[in-house]
Amino acid sequence: MHPATRRFGRRATATTTKRRSFSDVLVVGDSIVWNGISAGIGWLYETGMAASSADTDWVTVLGDMLGATMYRPTKDGVCSGAFPTCVDNLALYSGVDLVLVMAGEHFLASTVRLTTIADINTWCDTIEAFAATEGIPVAYVSRWSETGPPYLDTGDTIVGNNLLIDRCNGTDRIYVDITNKLNGDSDCFGYPPGGDPGVTWHPNDQGHRGIANLVYNAITVVP
């Protein structure tokens, strides 16, 4: 008998985490998902703001981790207007096996049409109706930005995130918390150095990698 067995009992056996796989993923979202060139604020890239390249934004990194093709309506140019209209032509993406949603930064914002709780719910209803037709899950990513600890404890952030949590509770929808995980880490912000605040409060490459890792674990691990 092995000495460790005599002393400590039966040796533990390694366990393998069971993971779900996805091959075609639709990502509905705002500037962190994808943003075209906006010279007025010094943004000269076509990628998820504020990653330093198209290869380092969280959607691309996640796609590499999954081995999946990633679709972004904002990037594909199928929106009929400003950001929230990215849900107007979801039928074009029939055949995907997951919908990811990142939009909390715009919840209750005066600059877009998601200005009320009713607006947000109607917008989410549209996404969920598409997913139901396709027979696929929806994963909601929490708000990225928060002013300071305790996170999820102020104003629009707690309202928006709790709305998404409520939509996921008791369903097969997935809620991905990035608010508590990534805020407070100054290394996740600040690209390009000295840039316009409208750009630099977005996640940098490290922040994008953090988002990709959190989303990957939330959507793939089998409960």
C-alpha atoms as a PDB file:
ATOM      1  CA  MET A   1       0.000   0.000   0.000  1.00  0.00           C
ATOM      2  CA  HIS A   2       1.256   3.468  -0.856  1.00  0.00           C
ATOM      3  CA  PRO A   3       2.364   5.351   2.307  1.00  0.00           C
ATOM      4  CA  ALA A   4       0.106   8.271   1.494  1.00  0.00           C
ATOM      5  CA  THR A   5      -2.847   5.908   1.367  1.00  0.00           C
ATOM      6  CA  ARG A   6      -2.068   4.455   4.775  1.00  0.00           C
ATOM      7  CA  ARG A   7      -1.647   7.838   6.387  1.00  0.00           C
ATOM      8  CA  PHE A   8      -4.270   9.962   4.730  1.00  0.00           C
ATOM      9  CA  GLY A   9      -6.757   7.509   3.276  1.00  0.00           C
ATOM     10  CA  ARG A  10      -7.599   7.082  -0.387  1.00  0.00           C
ATOM     11  CA  ARG A  11      -5.722   9.442  -2.670  1.00  0.00           C
ATOM     12  CA  ALA A  12      -7.821  12.020  -4.491  1.00  0.00           C
ATOM     13  CA  THR A  13      -8.336  11.479  -8.181  1.00  0.00           C
ATOM     14  CA  ALA A  14      -8.039  14.351 -10.631  1.00  0.00           C
ATOM     15  CA  THR A  15     -11.291  15.720 -11.963  1.00  0.00           C
ATOM     16  CA  THR A  16     -11.831  17.302 -15.355  1.00  0.00           C
ATOM     17  CA  THR A  17     -14.124  20.302 -15.657  1.00  0.00           C
ATOM     18  CA  LYS A  18     -16.907  19.599 -18.106  1.00  0.00           C
ATOM     19  CA  ARG A  19     -17.271  22.381 -20.642  1.00  0.00           C
ATOM     20  CA  ARG A  20     -19.850  23.299 -23.228  1.00  0.00           C
ATOM     21  CA  SER A  21     -18.662  24.189 -26.705  1.00  0.00           C
ATOM     22  CA  PHE A  22     -19.889  26.855 -29.113  1.00  0.00           C
ATOM     23  CA  SER A  23     -18.963  27.291 -32.759  1.00  0.00           C
ATOM     24  CA  ASP A  24     -20.901  30.397 -33.876  1.00  0.00           C
ATOM     25  CA  VAL A  25     -21.497  33.206 -31.389  1.00  0.00           C
ATOM     26  CA  LEU A  26     -23.488  36.402 -31.872  1.00  0.00           C
ATOM     27  CA  VAL A  27     -22.225  39.293 -29.727  1.00  0.00           C
ATOM     28  CA  VAL A  28     -24.678  42.150 -29.296  1.00  0.00           C
ATOM     29  CA  GLY A  29     -23.148  45.158 -27.656  1.00  0.00           C
ATOM     30  CA  ASP A  30     -21.697  48.600 -27.420  1.00  0.00           C
ATOM     31  CA  SER A  31     -18.283  50.203 -27.957  1.00  0.00           C
ATOM     32  CA  ILE A  32     -16.457  47.616 -25.838  1.00  0.00           C
ATOM     33  CA  VAL A  33     -17.715  44.977 -28.266  1.00  0.00           C
ATOM     34  CA  TRP A  34     -16.726  47.011 -31.341  1.00  0.00           C
ATOM     35  CA  ASN A  35     -16.299  50.639 -32.289  1.00  0.00           C
ATOM     36  CA  GLY A  36     -15.414  52.177 -35.620  1.00  0.00           C
ATOM     37  CA  ILE A  37     -13.012  55.068 -36.066  1.00  0.00           C
ATOM     38  CA  SER A  38     -14.051  58.152 -34.106  1.00  0.00           C
ATOM     39  CA  ALA A  39     -11.398  60.764 -34.803  1.00  0.00           C
ATOM     40  CA  GLY A  40     -13.147  63.394 -32.704  1.00  0.00           C
ATOM     41  CA  ILE A  41     -12.134  61.593 -29.519  1.00  0.00           C
ATOM     42  CA  GLY A  42      -8.861  60.269 -30.851  1.00  0.00           C
ATOM     43  CA  TRP A  43     -10.099  56.735 -31.505  1.00  0.00           C
ATOM     44  CA  LEU A  44      -8.417  55.616 -34.737  1.00  0.00           C
ATOM     45  CA  TYR A  45      -9.104  51.892 -34.630  1.00  0.00           C
ATOM     46  CA  GLU A  46     -11.825  49.470 -35.625  1.00  0.00           C
ATOM     47  CA  THR A  47     -11.999  47.105 -32.709  1.00  0.00           C
ATOM     48  CA  GLY A  48     -13.501  46.783 -29.253  1.00  0.00           C
ATOM     49  CA  MET A  49     -12.636  50.007 -27.437  1.00  0.00           C
ATOM     50  CA  ALA A  50      -9.983  50.459 -26.072  1.00  0.00           C
ATOM     51  CA  ALA A  51      -8.015  47.380 -27.117  1.00  0.00           C
ATOM     52  CA  SER A  52      -4.791  48.200 -28.926  1.00  0.00           C
ATOM     53  CA  SER A  53      -5.556  45.969 -31.909  1.00  0.00           C
ATOM     54  CA  ALA A  54      -8.266  43.844 -33.461  1.00  0.00           C
ATOM     55  CA  ASP A  55      -6.491  40.768 -32.125  1.00  0.00           C
ATOM     56  CA  THR A  56      -6.640  41.847 -28.490  1.00  0.00           C
ATOM     57  CA  ASP A  57     -10.269  42.857 -27.968  1.00  0.00           C
ATOM     58  CA  TRP A  58     -12.288  40.528 -25.751  1.00  0.00           C
ATOM     59  CA  VAL A  59     -14.562  39.216 -28.498  1.00  0.00           C
ATOM     60  CA  THR A  60     -11.611  38.136 -30.632  1.00  0.00           C
ATOM     61  CA  VAL A  61      -9.774  36.661 -27.632  1.00  0.00           C
ATOM     62  CA  LEU A  62     -12.912  34.772 -26.585  1.00  0.00           C
ATOM     63  CA  GLY A  63     -13.408  33.488 -30.119  1.00  0.00           C
ATOM     64  CA  ASP A  64      -9.864  32.130 -30.083  1.00  0.00           C
ATOM     65  CA  MET A  65     -10.495  30.443 -26.734  1.00  0.00           C
ATOM     66  CA  LEU A  66     -13.706  28.852 -27.996  1.00  0.00           C
ATOM     67  CA  GLY A  67     -12.465  28.099 -31.503  1.00  0.00           C
ATOM     68  CA  ALA A  68     -15.631  29.869 -32.641  1.00  0.00           C
ATOM     69  CA  THR A  69     -16.682  32.322 -35.321  1.00  0.00           C
ATOM     70  CA  MET A  70     -17.811  35.570 -33.683  1.00  0.00           C
ATOM     71  CA  TYR A  71     -20.432  37.857 -35.208  1.00  0.00           C
ATOM     72  CA  ARG A  72     -20.947  41.502 -34.233  1.00  0.00           C
ATOM     73  CA  PRO A  73     -23.877  43.419 -35.785  1.00  0.00           C
ATOM     74  CA  THR A  74     -22.175  46.757 -35.097  1.00  0.00           C
ATOM     75  CA  LYS A  75     -19.056  45.601 -36.945  1.00  0.00           C
ATOM     76  CA  ASP A  76     -21.048  43.933 -39.715  1.00  0.00           C
ATOM     77  CA  GLY A  77     -22.913  47.163 -40.480  1.00  0.00           C
ATOM     78  CA  VAL A  78     -26.396  45.679 -40.203  1.00  0.00           C
ATOM     79  CA  CYS A  79     -27.676  48.149 -37.601  1.00  0.00           C
ATOM     80  CA  SER A  80     -30.281  50.616 -38.815  1.00  0.00           C
ATOM     81  CA  GLY A  81     -28.936  53.474 -36.710  1.00  0.00           C
ATOM     82  CA  ALA A  82     -27.131  54.109 -33.428  1.00  0.00           C
ATOM     83  CA  PHE A  83     -25.923  51.296 -31.138  1.00  0.00           C
ATOM     84  CA  PRO A  84     -29.244  49.973 -29.739  1.00  0.00           C
ATOM     85  CA  THR A  85     -30.507  49.220 -33.261  1.00  0.00           C
ATOM     86  CA  CYS A  86     -28.002  46.354 -33.431  1.00  0.00           C
ATOM     87  CA  VAL A  87     -30.949  44.085 -32.537  1.00  0.00           C
ATOM     88  CA  ASP A  88     -33.052  45.149 -35.535  1.00  0.00           C
ATOM     89  CA  ASN A  89     -31.777  42.450 -37.901  1.00  0.00           C
ATOM     90  CA  LEU A  90     -31.002  39.482 -35.677  1.00  0.00           C
ATOM     91  CA  ALA A  91     -32.667  37.069 -38.104  1.00  0.00           C
ATOM     92  CA  LEU A  92     -29.623  37.534 -40.341  1.00  0.00           C
ATOM     93  CA  TYR A  93     -27.702  35.502 -37.765  1.00  0.00           C
ATOM     94  CA  SER A  94     -29.915  32.427 -37.782  1.00  0.00           C
ATOM     95  CA  GLY A  95     -27.783  29.377 -37.091  1.00  0.00           C
ATOM     96  CA  VAL A  96     -25.626  30.756 -34.272  1.00  0.00           C
ATOM     97  CA  ASP A  97     -25.512  28.695 -31.086  1.00  0.00           C
ATOM     98  CA  LEU A  98     -25.160  31.455 -28.451  1.00  0.00           C
ATOM     99  CA  VAL A  99     -26.046  35.132 -28.018  1.00  0.00           C
ATOM    100  CA  LEU A 100     -23.766  37.247 -25.834  1.00  0.00           C
ATOM    101  CA  VAL A 101     -25.021  40.656 -24.729  1.00  0.00           C
ATOM    102  CA  MET A 102     -22.871  43.506 -23.400  1.00  0.00           C
ATOM    103  CA  ALA A 103     -24.729  46.795 -23.178  1.00  0.00           C
ATOM    104  CA  GLY A 104     -24.956  47.851 -19.554  1.00  0.00           C
ATOM    105  CA  GLU A 105     -22.895  50.987 -20.039  1.00  0.00           C
ATOM    106  CA  HIS A 106     -25.779  52.378 -22.086  1.00  0.00           C
ATOM    107  CA  PHE A 107     -28.604  51.365 -19.778  1.00  0.00           C
ATOM    108  CA  LEU A 108     -30.532  54.437 -18.618  1.00  0.00           C
ATOM    109  CA  ALA A 109     -28.183  56.662 -20.663  1.00  0.00           C
ATOM    110  CA  SER A 110     -29.647  59.810 -22.176  1.00  0.00           C
ATOM    111  CA  THR A 111     -27.612  59.424 -25.357  1.00  0.00           C
ATOM    112  CA  VAL A 112     -29.333  56.301 -26.625  1.00  0.00           C
ATOM    113  CA  ARG A 113     -32.833  54.924 -26.723  1.00  0.00           C
ATOM    114  CA  LEU A 114     -32.336  52.653 -23.672  1.00  0.00           C
ATOM    115  CA  THR A 115     -33.353  55.483 -21.369  1.00  0.00           C
ATOM    116  CA  THR A 116     -35.963  53.715 -19.214  1.00  0.00           C
ATOM    117  CA  ILE A 117     -36.437  50.309 -17.618  1.00  0.00           C
ATOM    118  CA  ALA A 118     -39.212  49.662 -20.128  1.00  0.00           C
ATOM    119  CA  ASP A 119     -36.815  50.443 -23.000  1.00  0.00           C
ATOM    120  CA  ILE A 120     -34.231  48.015 -21.651  1.00  0.00           C
ATOM    121  CA  ASN A 121     -36.772  45.238 -21.129  1.00  0.00           C
ATOM    122  CA  THR A 122     -38.193  45.662 -24.628  1.00  0.00           C
ATOM    123  CA  TRP A 123     -34.657  45.540 -26.052  1.00  0.00           C
ATOM    124  CA  CYS A 124     -33.835  42.383 -24.087  1.00  0.00           C
ATOM    125  CA  ASP A 125     -37.179  40.854 -25.098  1.00  0.00           C
ATOM    126  CA  THR A 126     -36.169  41.225 -28.747  1.00  0.00           C
ATOM    127  CA  ILE A 127     -32.893  39.396 -28.146  1.00  0.00           C
ATOM    128  CA  GLU A 128     -34.526  36.640 -26.103  1.00  0.00           C
ATOM    129  CA  ALA A 129     -37.259  36.123 -28.693  1.00  0.00           C
ATOM    130  CA  PHE A 130     -34.595  35.552 -31.348  1.00  0.00           C
ATOM    131  CA  ALA A 131     -32.745  33.130 -29.070  1.00  0.00           C
ATOM    132  CA  ALA A 132     -35.964  31.251 -28.294  1.00  0.00           C
ATOM    133  CA  THR A 133     -36.689  30.869 -32.001  1.00  0.00           C
ATOM    134  CA  GLU A 134     -33.201  29.490 -32.511  1.00  0.00           C
ATOM    135  CA  GLY A 135     -33.350  27.322 -29.387  1.00  0.00           C
ATOM    136  CA  ILE A 136     -30.091  28.761 -28.043  1.00  0.00           C
ATOM    137  CA  PRO A 137     -28.972  30.324 -24.745  1.00  0.00           C
ATOM    138  CA  VAL A 138     -28.426  34.002 -23.979  1.00  0.00           C
ATOM    139  CA  ALA A 139     -25.597  35.264 -21.764  1.00  0.00           C
ATOM    140  CA  TYR A 140     -25.754  38.779 -20.320  1.00  0.00           C
ATOM    141  CA  VAL A 141     -22.493  40.483 -19.354  1.00  0.00           C
ATOM    142  CA  SER A 142     -22.726  42.925 -16.458  1.00  0.00           C
ATOM    143  CA  ARG A 143     -21.729  46.573 -16.568  1.00  0.00           C
ATOM    144  CA  TRP A 144     -18.004  47.233 -16.854  1.00  0.00           C
ATOM    145  CA  SER A 145     -17.677  50.638 -15.274  1.00  0.00           C
ATOM    146  CA  GLU A 146     -18.166  51.594 -11.645  1.00  0.00           C
ATOM    147  CA  THR A 147     -16.891  54.571  -9.712  1.00  0.00           C
ATOM    148  CA  GLY A 148     -15.516  52.772  -6.687  1.00  0.00           C
ATOM    149  CA  PRO A 149     -16.137  50.178  -4.010  1.00  0.00           C
ATOM    150  CA  PRO A 150     -18.445  48.798  -2.924  1.00  0.00           C
ATOM    151  CA  TYR A 151     -19.215  47.904  -6.521  1.00  0.00           C
ATOM    152  CA  LEU A 152     -22.801  47.290  -7.644  1.00  0.00           C
ATOM    153  CA  ASP A 153     -23.877  49.703  -4.941  1.00  0.00           C
ATOM    154  CA  THR A 154     -24.612  52.911  -6.783  1.00  0.00           C
ATOM    155  CA  GLY A 155     -27.207  54.309  -9.124  1.00  0.00           C
ATOM    156  CA  ASP A 156     -27.525  53.041 -12.648  1.00  0.00           C
ATOM    157  CA  THR A 157     -25.055  50.197 -12.207  1.00  0.00           C
ATOM    158  CA  ILE A 158     -27.065  48.332  -9.590  1.00  0.00           C
ATOM    159  CA  VAL A 159     -30.311  49.026 -11.439  1.00  0.00           C
ATOM    160  CA  GLY A 160     -28.982  47.727 -14.747  1.00  0.00           C
ATOM    161  CA  ASN A 161     -27.147  44.724 -13.368  1.00  0.00           C
ATOM    162  CA  ASN A 162     -30.036  43.676 -11.133  1.00  0.00           C
ATOM    163  CA  LEU A 163     -32.371  43.889 -14.103  1.00  0.00           C
ATOM    164  CA  LEU A 164     -30.144  41.429 -15.969  1.00  0.00           C
ATOM    165  CA  ILE A 165     -29.831  39.170 -12.920  1.00  0.00           C
ATOM    166  CA  ASP A 166     -33.619  39.074 -12.642  1.00  0.00           C
ATOM    167  CA  ARG A 167     -33.916  38.135 -16.310  1.00  0.00           C
ATOM    168  CA  CYS A 168     -31.531  35.218 -15.761  1.00  0.00           C
ATOM    169  CA  ASN A 169     -32.889  33.861 -12.478  1.00  0.00           C
ATOM    170  CA  GLY A 170     -34.884  30.679 -12.933  1.00  0.00           C
ATOM    171  CA  THR A 171     -33.978  30.391 -16.615  1.00  0.00           C
ATOM    172  CA  ASP A 172     -31.190  28.903 -18.725  1.00  0.00           C
ATOM    173  CA  ARG A 173     -29.842  32.400 -19.359  1.00  0.00           C
ATOM    174  CA  ILE A 174     -26.376  33.134 -18.019  1.00  0.00           C
ATOM    175  CA  TYR A 175     -25.324  36.188 -16.029  1.00  0.00           C
ATOM    176  CA  VAL A 176     -21.628  37.097 -16.235  1.00  0.00           C
ATOM    177  CA  ASP A 177     -20.370  39.397 -13.474  1.00  0.00           C
ATOM    178  CA  ILE A 178     -17.450  41.514 -14.619  1.00  0.00           C
ATOM    179  CA  THR A 179     -18.285  44.552 -12.456  1.00  0.00           C
ATOM    180  CA  ASN A 180     -16.984  43.081  -9.216  1.00  0.00           C
ATOM    181  CA  LYS A 181     -14.091  41.233 -10.810  1.00  0.00           C
ATOM    182  CA  LEU A 182     -12.384  43.929 -12.856  1.00  0.00           C
ATOM    183  CA  ASN A 183     -13.149  47.311 -11.336  1.00  0.00           C
ATOM    184  CA  GLY A 184     -10.623  48.828  -9.014  1.00  0.00           C
ATOM    185  CA  ASP A 185      -7.717  47.471 -11.061  1.00  0.00           C
ATOM    186  CA  SER A 186      -6.168  50.535 -12.676  1.00  0.00           C
ATOM    187  CA  ASP A 187      -4.061  48.283 -14.894  1.00  0.00           C
ATOM    188  CA  CYS A 188      -7.237  47.373 -16.793  1.00  0.00           C
ATOM    189  CA  PHE A 189      -7.792  50.939 -18.015  1.00  0.00           C
ATOM    190  CA  GLY A 190      -5.890  53.650 -19.801  1.00  0.00           C
ATOM    191  CA  TYR A 191      -5.231  52.992 -23.477  1.00  0.00           C
ATOM    192  CA  PRO A 192      -3.959  54.986 -25.242  1.00  0.00           C
ATOM    193  CA  PRO A 193      -1.930  56.739 -22.510  1.00  0.00           C
ATOM    194  CA  GLY A 194      -2.997  60.349 -22.163  1.00  0.00           C
ATOM    195  CA  GLY A 195      -5.921  59.815 -24.496  1.00  0.00           C
ATOM    196  CA  ASP A 196      -9.382  61.332 -24.411  1.00  0.00           C
ATOM    197  CA  PRO A 197     -11.316  60.226 -21.288  1.00  0.00           C
ATOM    198  CA  GLY A 198     -14.098  59.096 -23.621  1.00  0.00           C
ATOM    199  CA  VAL A 199     -11.683  56.398 -24.767  1.00  0.00           C
ATOM    200  CA  THR A 200      -9.439  55.693 -21.798  1.00  0.00           C
ATOM    201  CA  TRP A 201     -12.150  54.659 -19.339  1.00  0.00           C
ATOM    202  CA  HIS A 202     -12.738  51.682 -21.646  1.00  0.00           C
ATOM    203  CA  PRO A 203     -10.774  48.506 -20.881  1.00  0.00           C
ATOM    204  CA  ASN A 204      -7.262  48.190 -22.277  1.00  0.00           C
ATOM    205  CA  ASP A 205      -5.766  44.900 -23.504  1.00  0.00           C
ATOM    206  CA  GLN A 206      -5.471  43.522 -19.976  1.00  0.00           C
ATOM    207  CA  GLY A 207      -9.080  44.474 -19.252  1.00  0.00           C
ATOM    208  CA  HIS A 208     -10.253  42.847 -22.469  1.00  0.00           C
ATOM    209  CA  ARG A 209      -8.399  39.645 -21.610  1.00  0.00           C
ATOM    210  CA  GLY A 210     -10.017  39.699 -18.187  1.00  0.00           C
ATOM    211  CA  ILE A 211     -13.470  40.019 -19.722  1.00  0.00           C
ATOM    212  CA  ALA A 212     -12.769  37.183 -22.160  1.00  0.00           C
ATOM    213  CA  ASN A 213     -11.650  34.875 -19.344  1.00  0.00           C
ATOM    214  CA  LEU A 214     -14.675  35.658 -17.177  1.00  0.00           C
ATOM    215  CA  VAL A 215     -17.116  35.168 -20.042  1.00  0.00           C
ATOM    216  CA  TYR A 216     -15.406  31.961 -21.163  1.00  0.00           C
ATOM    217  CA  ASN A 217     -15.691  30.385 -17.730  1.00  0.00           C
ATOM    218  CA  ALA A 218     -19.296  31.510 -17.286  1.00  0.00           C
ATOM    219  CA  ILE A 219     -20.582  30.206 -20.615  1.00  0.00           C
ATOM    220  CA  THR A 220     -18.615  26.977 -20.944  1.00  0.00           C
ATOM    221  CA  VAL A 221     -18.549  25.407 -17.493  1.00  0.00           C
ATOM    222  CA  VAL A 222     -21.383  22.925 -17.109  1.00  0.00           C
ATOM    223  CA  PRO A 223     -23.166  23.565 -13.775  1.00  0.00           C
END
